[in-house]
Amino acid sequence: MKDGIRSDYLFPRFALVDPELTWTLPKLVTAQTGFDTLAHAIESYVSPKRTPIHDQMALRAMRIVSTYLPIALEHPEHGRAREQLAYASTTMGMNLACVGTCFPHRVDKSLCGLRPEIAHGQSVALFYPHWIDSCFHNETKRFARIAAILRPGVAELPSDEAAGMCSQIVTDWILRIGLQLGLKRYLTHDDLPKLAAGVAGDLSVNPVAIGRADLDRILQEIFLQDYS
């Protein structure tokens, strides 16, 4: 089982963030941690617990990741890219502390408990296309803005059309940075009850509130998605 540990004693008085320490990260780890930064930005931006201050931090982090993560993946010692990604990651730690996360981070812990070999960023990515599809209609303008950051060409479209494209845009972006999609890569159908049983946290903190009774259906739908 994987769970979160929370305490005021875990907050540092000072944090020294040195981007040069990330230059030698393997490409896959850069992609996984970069996507997790993006995920924290997206989730804090559409969360019912959001605030105007954290909205601005989330939007900036999304722009940074969309611009600089592809550069860092191709040029690991690109100083500006690593600096900006370190900044975005740090600020999304602040959003995590103050706003929290949504459904993908709830179910991630259960999946990583069952399959500890799956890195956190990869695990979260597996749930993103379905999650966006299931809730964009409740936050149309916000998901349209996310879509436009990741694919600027959709910025001129009506909000409902751009928001409806957001899931595919994020899907394409996940695959572009080298992460995988498809829950079937890691689980069998018989694992789904264990996955549902391990989900912890407040599922109502989501653009569309999720009840325990919805979990089995949602996980079935995610499992059946085909990205081949």
Protein backbone atom coordinates (compact mmCIF):
# COMPACT_ATOMS: atom_id res chain seq x y z
CA MET A 1 0.00 0.00 0.00
CA LYS A 2 1.18 3.53 -0.77
CA ASP A 3 -0.11 6.49 1.18
CA GLY A 4 0.82 10.10 1.83
CA ILE A 5 2.53 11.36 4.97
CA ARG A 6 1.52 14.84 6.09
CA SER A 7 2.80 16.96 8.94
CA ASP A 8 3.73 20.58 9.58
CA TYR A 9 7.10 19.22 10.68
CA LEU A 10 7.81 18.13 7.10
CA PHE A 11 7.86 21.71 5.78
CA PRO A 12 11.44 22.96 5.50
CA ARG A 13 12.44 26.40 6.76
CA PHE A 14 14.65 26.78 3.71
CA ALA A 15 14.88 24.89 0.44
CA LEU A 16 17.92 25.09 -1.83
CA VAL A 17 16.84 24.13 -5.34
CA ASP A 18 19.83 23.69 -7.65
CA PRO A 19 18.78 22.97 -11.26
CA GLU A 20 22.29 21.76 -12.16
CA LEU A 21 21.66 18.67 -10.03
CA THR A 22 19.02 17.62 -12.56
CA TRP A 23 21.29 17.73 -15.62
CA THR A 24 22.26 14.07 -15.27
CA LEU A 25 18.74 12.75 -14.70
CA PRO A 26 17.81 9.93 -17.09
CA LYS A 27 15.54 11.14 -19.88
CA LEU A 28 12.62 9.05 -18.61
CA VAL A 29 12.88 10.48 -15.09
CA THR A 30 12.91 14.00 -16.56
CA ALA A 31 9.71 13.17 -18.48
CA GLN A 32 8.02 11.60 -15.45
CA THR A 33 8.84 14.43 -13.06
CA GLY A 34 8.03 17.03 -15.69
CA PHE A 35 4.62 15.52 -16.28
CA ASP A 36 3.95 15.38 -12.54
CA THR A 37 4.67 19.11 -12.34
CA LEU A 38 2.18 19.67 -15.16
CA ALA A 39 -0.37 17.44 -13.44
CA HIS A 40 -0.13 19.38 -10.18
CA ALA A 41 -0.62 22.59 -12.14
CA ILE A 42 -3.68 21.30 -13.99
CA GLU A 43 -5.30 19.77 -10.92
CA SER A 44 -4.77 22.81 -8.72
CA TYR A 45 -6.17 25.01 -11.50
CA VAL A 46 -9.45 23.06 -11.83
CA SER A 47 -9.81 22.03 -8.18
CA PRO A 48 -12.83 23.31 -6.22
CA LYS A 49 -10.26 24.38 -3.58
CA ARG A 50 -8.39 26.69 -5.97
CA THR A 51 -7.57 30.30 -5.17
CA PRO A 52 -6.72 33.25 -7.46
CA ILE A 53 -3.10 33.28 -6.30
CA HIS A 54 -2.60 29.58 -6.93
CA ASP A 55 -4.37 29.89 -10.30
CA GLN A 56 -1.65 32.25 -11.49
CA MET A 57 1.10 29.97 -10.21
CA ALA A 58 -0.53 27.00 -11.95
CA LEU A 59 -0.88 28.80 -15.26
CA ARG A 60 2.75 29.87 -15.19
CA ALA A 61 3.87 26.33 -14.36
CA MET A 62 1.84 24.94 -17.27
CA ARG A 63 3.45 27.41 -19.67
CA ILE A 64 6.91 26.59 -18.35
CA VAL A 65 6.48 22.83 -18.64
CA SER A 66 4.91 23.02 -22.10
CA THR A 67 7.80 25.17 -23.33
CA TYR A 68 10.82 23.80 -21.51
CA LEU A 69 10.22 20.11 -20.86
CA PRO A 70 10.66 19.14 -24.54
CA ILE A 71 13.86 21.20 -24.60
CA ALA A 72 15.25 19.52 -21.47
CA LEU A 73 14.44 16.09 -22.90
CA GLU A 74 16.49 16.84 -26.01
CA HIS A 75 19.21 18.91 -24.32
CA PRO A 76 19.66 17.70 -20.71
CA GLU A 77 22.23 20.38 -19.83
CA HIS A 78 20.18 23.28 -21.16
CA GLY A 79 20.54 25.66 -18.22
CA ARG A 80 17.51 27.83 -18.88
CA ALA A 81 15.20 24.85 -19.40
CA ARG A 82 16.36 23.11 -16.22
CA GLU A 83 16.12 26.34 -14.23
CA GLN A 84 12.57 27.00 -15.35
CA LEU A 85 11.46 23.41 -14.73
CA ALA A 86 12.95 23.53 -11.22
CA TYR A 87 11.06 26.76 -10.58
CA ALA A 88 7.78 25.27 -11.83
CA SER A 89 8.24 22.12 -9.76
CA THR A 90 8.95 24.15 -6.64
CA THR A 91 5.90 26.36 -7.05
CA MET A 92 3.68 23.35 -7.67
CA GLY A 93 4.88 21.99 -4.34
CA MET A 94 3.34 25.13 -2.88
CA ASN A 95 0.09 24.52 -4.78
CA LEU A 96 0.08 20.94 -3.52
CA ALA A 97 0.37 22.15 0.06
CA CYS A 98 -2.35 24.79 -0.25
CA VAL A 99 -4.79 23.43 -2.85
CA GLY A 100 -4.09 19.72 -3.15
CA THR A 101 -4.84 17.37 -6.01
CA CYS A 102 -7.75 15.70 -7.80
CA PHE A 103 -8.73 12.16 -8.83
CA PRO A 104 -5.58 11.12 -10.76
CA HIS A 105 -3.45 11.55 -7.65
CA ARG A 106 -5.98 9.66 -5.53
CA VAL A 107 -5.89 6.52 -7.64
CA ASP A 108 -2.14 6.81 -8.31
CA LYS A 109 -1.29 5.79 -4.76
CA SER A 110 -3.33 2.62 -5.05
CA LEU A 111 -1.75 1.69 -8.40
CA CYS A 112 1.79 2.29 -7.13
CA GLY A 113 0.97 0.20 -4.07
CA LEU A 114 0.03 -2.69 -6.34
CA ARG A 115 2.86 -2.08 -8.82
CA PRO A 116 5.67 -0.27 -6.98
CA GLU A 117 7.88 -0.43 -10.07
CA ILE A 118 5.69 2.25 -11.72
CA ALA A 119 7.07 5.75 -11.22
CA HIS A 120 4.69 8.33 -9.81
CA GLY A 121 4.58 10.59 -12.87
CA GLN A 122 3.93 7.64 -15.17
CA SER A 123 1.20 6.35 -12.88
CA VAL A 124 -0.61 9.68 -12.79
CA ALA A 125 -0.42 9.98 -16.58
CA LEU A 126 -2.32 6.71 -17.05
CA PHE A 127 -5.48 8.26 -15.62
CA TYR A 128 -5.33 11.66 -17.32
CA PRO A 129 -7.18 11.20 -20.65
CA HIS A 130 -10.24 9.63 -19.03
CA TRP A 131 -10.19 12.07 -16.11
CA ILE A 132 -10.24 15.09 -18.41
CA ASP A 133 -12.98 13.56 -20.57
CA SER A 134 -15.09 12.93 -17.48
CA CYS A 135 -14.96 16.42 -16.03
CA PHE A 136 -14.07 19.07 -18.63
CA HIS A 137 -17.74 19.98 -19.09
CA ASN A 138 -17.89 21.28 -15.50
CA GLU A 139 -14.92 23.62 -16.04
CA THR A 140 -15.13 24.39 -19.76
CA LYS A 141 -13.24 27.69 -19.75
CA ARG A 142 -10.44 26.34 -17.58
CA PHE A 143 -9.89 23.18 -19.61
CA ALA A 144 -10.02 25.30 -22.79
CA ARG A 145 -7.22 27.43 -21.37
CA ILE A 146 -5.19 24.32 -20.51
CA ALA A 147 -5.68 23.04 -24.07
CA ALA A 148 -4.53 26.37 -25.49
CA ILE A 149 -1.35 26.35 -23.39
CA LEU A 150 -0.39 22.88 -24.59
CA ARG A 151 -1.48 23.53 -28.17
CA PRO A 152 -1.63 27.28 -28.87
CA GLY A 153 -3.46 26.78 -32.16
CA VAL A 154 -6.73 26.05 -30.36
CA ALA A 155 -6.75 29.39 -28.54
CA GLU A 156 -9.04 30.94 -31.16
CA LEU A 157 -11.65 28.19 -30.89
CA PRO A 158 -14.83 28.51 -28.81
CA SER A 159 -14.26 27.41 -25.23
CA ASP A 160 -16.49 24.36 -25.41
CA GLU A 161 -14.72 23.10 -28.54
CA ALA A 162 -11.23 23.69 -27.13
CA ALA A 163 -12.16 22.06 -23.82
CA GLY A 164 -13.53 19.04 -25.68
CA MET A 165 -10.14 18.66 -27.37
CA CYS A 166 -8.18 18.87 -24.12
CA SER A 167 -8.12 15.13 -23.41
CA GLN A 168 -6.68 14.32 -26.85
CA ILE A 169 -4.19 17.17 -26.59
CA VAL A 170 -2.93 15.89 -23.24
CA THR A 171 -2.87 12.33 -24.60
CA ASP A 172 -0.69 13.45 -27.51
CA TRP A 173 1.53 15.40 -25.13
CA ILE A 174 2.02 12.43 -22.79
CA LEU A 175 3.06 10.21 -25.69
CA ARG A 176 5.26 12.94 -27.14
CA ILE A 177 7.41 13.11 -23.99
CA GLY A 178 7.84 9.33 -23.94
CA LEU A 179 5.39 8.19 -21.27
CA GLN A 180 2.95 5.32 -21.74
CA LEU A 181 -0.82 5.06 -21.71
CA GLY A 182 -3.01 2.04 -21.16
CA LEU A 183 -3.74 0.55 -17.76
CA LYS A 184 -3.64 -2.93 -19.32
CA ARG A 185 0.14 -2.61 -19.55
CA TYR A 186 0.32 -2.98 -15.78
CA LEU A 187 -2.84 -4.66 -14.50
CA THR A 188 -5.22 -7.45 -15.36
CA HIS A 189 -8.98 -7.12 -15.09
CA ASP A 190 -8.85 -9.17 -11.88
CA ASP A 191 -6.67 -6.47 -10.28
CA LEU A 192 -9.34 -3.77 -10.56
CA PRO A 193 -11.16 -4.56 -7.28
CA LYS A 194 -7.83 -4.29 -5.43
CA LEU A 195 -7.09 -1.03 -7.21
CA ALA A 196 -10.46 0.39 -6.16
CA ALA A 197 -10.07 -0.83 -2.58
CA GLY A 198 -6.74 0.97 -2.23
CA VAL A 199 -8.00 4.40 -3.32
CA ALA A 200 -7.87 6.80 -0.37
CA GLY A 201 -8.58 10.48 0.16
CA ASP A 202 -11.48 12.81 -0.52
CA LEU A 203 -12.84 11.96 -3.97
CA SER A 204 -15.18 14.95 -3.90
CA VAL A 205 -12.19 17.31 -4.39
CA ASN A 206 -12.53 17.12 -8.15
CA PRO A 207 -14.20 19.16 -10.90
CA VAL A 208 -16.92 16.49 -10.81
CA ALA A 209 -17.41 14.93 -7.38
CA ILE A 210 -16.78 11.17 -7.40
CA GLY A 211 -18.43 8.80 -4.97
CA ARG A 212 -17.16 5.42 -3.85
CA ALA A 213 -19.98 3.84 -5.82
CA ASP A 214 -18.55 5.37 -9.02
CA LEU A 215 -15.06 3.91 -8.64
CA ASP A 216 -15.64 0.46 -10.11
CA ARG A 217 -17.26 1.92 -13.23
CA ILE A 218 -14.55 4.55 -13.71
CA LEU A 219 -11.70 2.09 -13.34
CA GLN A 220 -13.40 -0.33 -15.74
CA GLU A 221 -13.68 2.44 -18.32
CA ILE A 222 -10.02 3.42 -17.88
CA PHE A 223 -8.93 -0.20 -18.13
CA LEU A 224 -10.83 -0.69 -21.39
CA GLN A 225 -9.29 2.34 -23.12
CA ASP A 226 -7.09 1.29 -26.02
CA TYR A 227 -4.09 3.35 -27.11
CA SER A 228 -2.57 0.85 -29.54
